[in-house]
Amino acid sequence: MREIMALGFALLLAPLCGPASDATAATVKGVSFADAVDVGGRSCRLNGVGVRTKFFVSVYLGALYLATPTGDAAAAVAADEPKRTLLHFVHSRVEAEKIREAWREGFAANAGADQPQLAERLGRFEAWFDQDLLEGEQIVLTYQPGRGTEVSVRGAVRGVVEGADFMRALWSVWLGSKPADAGLKKGMLGK
C-alpha cells in the first residue's frame, strides 16, 4: 500500500517538476533551441540567440553554439575550435538573391584585408544559396578545425569551405565590428 501511495504522489508531482533533464535552453518567438549540439564529437553549448531584423521585420533567429561559451565577440570569432551558427527563418519568404547579397555585404564590412584571398571561397559559398528560404527553414553553419565550415541548407549539406580564415570572416558577419544587426550580435553573445 505504501508503494502505491508513493507512486501516486510521484505521479501527482511529476507535471509540477517538469522533465528530469531539459534539452531546450531557449525559446525565442516560439522556436526552441537545444542546450547543446555535437560537433565532431565535441559538445558545443548554446551561447545565445538573437533576432535579425531588417526594416523592423524579423527575418531569422540566429543561435550561436560554442565549445567555449563567451560573451566576448572577438574571442568567439577567433576561437579555432568547433562552433555552429543556426539561422532559423521566421519571415514568410526570403529571396535567394537577398540572401547572397547579405553575405556579400557582411563579408565586405568585416573581412577587411582578407577579402581578396576569400573571394573564390565566398563565391562557392554564395552559390549554395540558390533557392528562396521560407518560414521554418534553416541554414546551419558548422565549423570544425582542420576540416572547415560545413554549410547545410534546409537539412541538406551543400558543401564545406576550408580555412580558419574563412570561418573568422563568416562569424564576423554577425559578431564583427560591423555586424549585420547589433541586436542579433548582442543576443548571440547572450547579453
Protein backbone atom coordinates (compact mmCIF):
# COMPACT_ATOMS: atom_id res chain seq x y z
CA MET A 1 0.00 0.00 0.00
CA ARG A 2 2.86 2.33 0.87
CA GLU A 3 4.38 1.81 -2.63
CA ILE A 4 1.08 2.64 -4.31
CA MET A 5 0.75 5.85 -2.30
CA ALA A 6 4.35 6.83 -3.11
CA LEU A 7 3.77 6.14 -6.82
CA GLY A 8 0.54 8.17 -6.78
CA PHE A 9 2.31 11.06 -5.05
CA ALA A 10 5.18 10.93 -7.58
CA LEU A 11 2.71 10.94 -10.49
CA LEU A 12 0.88 13.89 -8.94
CA LEU A 13 4.11 15.91 -8.60
CA ALA A 14 5.61 14.97 -11.98
CA PRO A 15 3.81 17.67 -14.00
CA LEU A 16 4.92 20.29 -11.49
CA CYS A 17 8.59 19.28 -11.54
CA GLY A 18 8.97 19.01 -15.31
CA PRO A 19 11.32 16.65 -17.10
CA ALA A 20 14.39 15.36 -15.31
CA SER A 21 16.67 16.83 -17.99
CA ASP A 22 15.71 19.75 -20.17
CA ALA A 23 17.33 19.65 -23.60
CA THR A 24 15.90 23.05 -24.56
CA ALA A 25 17.95 26.02 -23.46
CA ALA A 26 15.99 28.84 -25.09
CA THR A 27 12.72 29.54 -26.81
CA VAL A 28 12.53 32.70 -28.91
CA LYS A 29 9.46 33.69 -30.92
CA GLY A 30 8.06 30.20 -30.36
CA VAL A 31 11.19 28.45 -31.70
CA SER A 32 13.08 26.18 -29.28
CA PHE A 33 16.85 25.81 -29.38
CA ALA A 34 18.77 22.90 -27.91
CA ASP A 35 21.03 23.49 -24.93
CA ALA A 36 23.96 21.83 -26.75
CA VAL A 37 24.89 20.27 -30.09
CA ASP A 38 27.55 17.75 -31.03
CA VAL A 39 30.18 19.00 -33.47
CA GLY A 40 32.65 16.30 -34.45
CA GLY A 41 32.35 14.56 -31.10
CA ARG A 42 32.67 17.74 -29.06
CA SER A 43 29.80 19.39 -27.23
CA CYS A 44 29.05 22.99 -28.16
CA ARG A 45 26.80 24.90 -25.74
CA LEU A 46 24.18 27.43 -26.71
CA ASN A 47 25.88 30.79 -26.22
CA GLY A 48 22.86 32.90 -27.14
CA VAL A 49 20.05 33.60 -29.61
CA GLY A 50 19.34 36.87 -31.37
CA VAL A 51 16.82 38.18 -33.88
CA ARG A 52 17.90 39.53 -37.28
CA THR A 53 15.63 42.37 -38.29
CA LYS A 54 15.53 44.40 -41.47
CA PHE A 55 13.28 47.47 -41.68
CA PHE A 56 11.58 46.45 -38.40
CA VAL A 57 10.72 42.99 -39.78
CA SER A 58 12.08 39.82 -38.14
CA VAL A 59 13.97 37.82 -40.78
CA TYR A 60 15.63 34.98 -38.85
CA LEU A 61 16.71 33.85 -35.40
CA GLY A 62 20.45 33.29 -35.05
CA ALA A 63 21.66 30.76 -32.46
CA LEU A 64 25.36 30.60 -31.63
CA TYR A 65 26.86 27.37 -30.26
CA LEU A 66 30.43 27.41 -28.94
CA ALA A 67 32.75 24.79 -27.45
CA THR A 68 33.89 27.52 -25.05
CA PRO A 69 30.96 29.88 -24.42
CA THR A 70 31.84 33.54 -24.11
CA GLY A 71 30.30 36.99 -24.15
CA ASP A 72 33.39 38.34 -25.94
CA ALA A 73 32.69 38.69 -29.67
CA ALA A 74 36.36 38.77 -30.68
CA ALA A 75 37.08 35.59 -28.70
CA ALA A 76 34.06 33.81 -30.23
CA VAL A 77 35.21 34.71 -33.75
CA ALA A 78 38.90 33.90 -33.20
CA ALA A 79 38.42 30.55 -31.43
CA ASP A 80 39.78 27.82 -33.70
CA GLU A 81 37.53 25.20 -32.15
CA PRO A 82 34.19 23.59 -33.02
CA LYS A 83 31.30 26.03 -33.34
CA ARG A 84 27.94 26.32 -35.04
CA THR A 85 25.56 29.05 -36.08
CA LEU A 86 21.97 28.07 -36.79
CA LEU A 87 19.76 30.51 -38.70
CA HIS A 88 16.06 29.73 -38.32
CA PHE A 89 13.97 31.80 -40.73
CA VAL A 90 10.82 33.42 -39.30
CA HIS A 91 9.91 35.61 -42.29
CA SER A 92 7.46 34.08 -44.78
CA ARG A 93 9.95 34.17 -47.69
CA VAL A 94 13.48 35.47 -48.15
CA GLU A 95 14.63 35.58 -51.76
CA ALA A 96 17.83 33.76 -52.70
CA GLU A 97 19.36 36.89 -54.21
CA LYS A 98 18.71 38.82 -50.98
CA ILE A 99 20.48 36.08 -49.02
CA ARG A 100 23.51 36.18 -51.34
CA GLU A 101 23.55 39.98 -51.22
CA ALA A 102 23.54 39.88 -47.40
CA TRP A 103 26.55 37.51 -47.42
CA ARG A 104 28.45 39.83 -49.78
CA GLU A 105 27.66 42.88 -47.64
CA GLY A 106 28.60 41.11 -44.41
CA PHE A 107 31.94 39.92 -45.77
CA ALA A 108 32.71 43.32 -47.31
CA ALA A 109 32.02 45.06 -43.99
CA ASN A 110 34.04 42.67 -41.83
CA ALA A 111 36.67 40.70 -43.79
CA GLY A 112 38.94 43.70 -44.34
CA ALA A 113 42.29 42.92 -45.95
CA ASP A 114 41.46 39.19 -46.07
CA GLN A 115 38.64 39.66 -48.58
CA PRO A 116 40.72 39.15 -51.78
CA GLN A 117 42.04 35.78 -50.58
CA LEU A 118 38.50 34.75 -49.62
CA ALA A 119 36.87 35.74 -52.93
CA GLU A 120 36.88 32.30 -54.61
CA ARG A 121 35.60 30.55 -51.47
CA LEU A 122 32.97 33.22 -50.90
CA GLY A 123 31.76 32.73 -54.48
CA ARG A 124 31.45 28.98 -53.91
CA PHE A 125 29.69 29.60 -50.58
CA GLU A 126 27.20 32.08 -52.08
CA ALA A 127 26.32 29.68 -54.91
CA TRP A 128 24.86 27.22 -52.38
CA PHE A 129 22.10 29.73 -51.58
CA ASP A 130 20.25 29.28 -54.85
CA GLN A 131 16.68 28.99 -53.56
CA ASP A 132 14.39 31.22 -51.54
CA LEU A 133 14.08 30.29 -47.87
CA LEU A 134 10.69 30.01 -46.25
CA GLU A 135 9.48 30.42 -42.70
CA GLY A 136 10.66 27.49 -40.56
CA GLU A 137 13.60 26.59 -42.81
CA GLN A 138 17.17 26.70 -41.56
CA ILE A 139 20.75 27.35 -42.55
CA VAL A 140 23.28 25.54 -40.35
CA LEU A 141 26.95 26.56 -40.50
CA THR A 142 29.27 24.22 -38.61
CA TYR A 143 33.00 24.77 -38.21
CA GLN A 144 35.48 22.01 -37.35
CA PRO A 145 39.22 22.79 -37.12
CA GLY A 146 41.20 21.16 -39.91
CA ARG A 147 38.02 20.48 -41.91
CA GLY A 148 36.39 23.84 -42.50
CA THR A 149 32.85 25.21 -42.42
CA GLU A 150 30.08 22.83 -43.46
CA VAL A 151 27.06 24.52 -45.00
CA SER A 152 23.64 22.93 -44.64
CA VAL A 153 20.52 24.48 -46.18
CA ARG A 154 17.07 23.02 -45.40
CA GLY A 155 18.75 19.96 -43.85
CA ALA A 156 20.88 19.15 -46.91
CA VAL A 157 24.66 19.56 -46.78
CA ARG A 158 25.71 21.75 -49.68
CA GLY A 159 29.47 21.57 -49.11
CA VAL A 160 32.44 22.54 -46.95
CA VAL A 161 34.50 25.70 -47.23
CA GLU A 162 38.05 25.17 -45.99
CA GLY A 163 40.09 27.52 -43.85
CA ALA A 164 40.03 29.10 -40.42
CA ASP A 165 40.34 32.48 -42.19
CA PHE A 166 37.01 31.88 -43.93
CA MET A 167 35.41 30.83 -40.63
CA ARG A 168 36.61 34.01 -38.91
CA ALA A 169 35.26 36.18 -41.74
CA LEU A 170 31.94 34.33 -41.72
CA TRP A 171 31.42 34.55 -37.95
CA SER A 172 32.38 38.24 -38.16
CA VAL A 173 29.27 38.81 -40.28
CA TRP A 174 27.29 38.50 -37.01
CA LEU A 175 29.93 39.22 -34.37
CA GLY A 176 32.41 41.58 -36.07
CA SER A 177 32.89 45.30 -35.59
CA LYS A 178 30.23 45.99 -38.25
CA PRO A 179 27.68 43.22 -37.65
CA ALA A 180 24.65 42.62 -39.82
CA ASP A 181 22.47 43.58 -36.85
CA ALA A 182 23.65 44.91 -33.45
CA GLY A 183 20.67 43.36 -31.64
CA LEU A 184 21.37 39.98 -33.25
CA LYS A 185 25.02 40.21 -32.14
CA LYS A 186 24.00 41.04 -28.59
CA GLY A 187 21.58 38.12 -28.44
CA MET A 188 24.07 35.63 -29.89
CA LEU A 189 26.56 36.72 -27.23
CA GLY A 190 23.98 36.04 -24.52
CA LYS A 191 23.66 39.67 -23.45
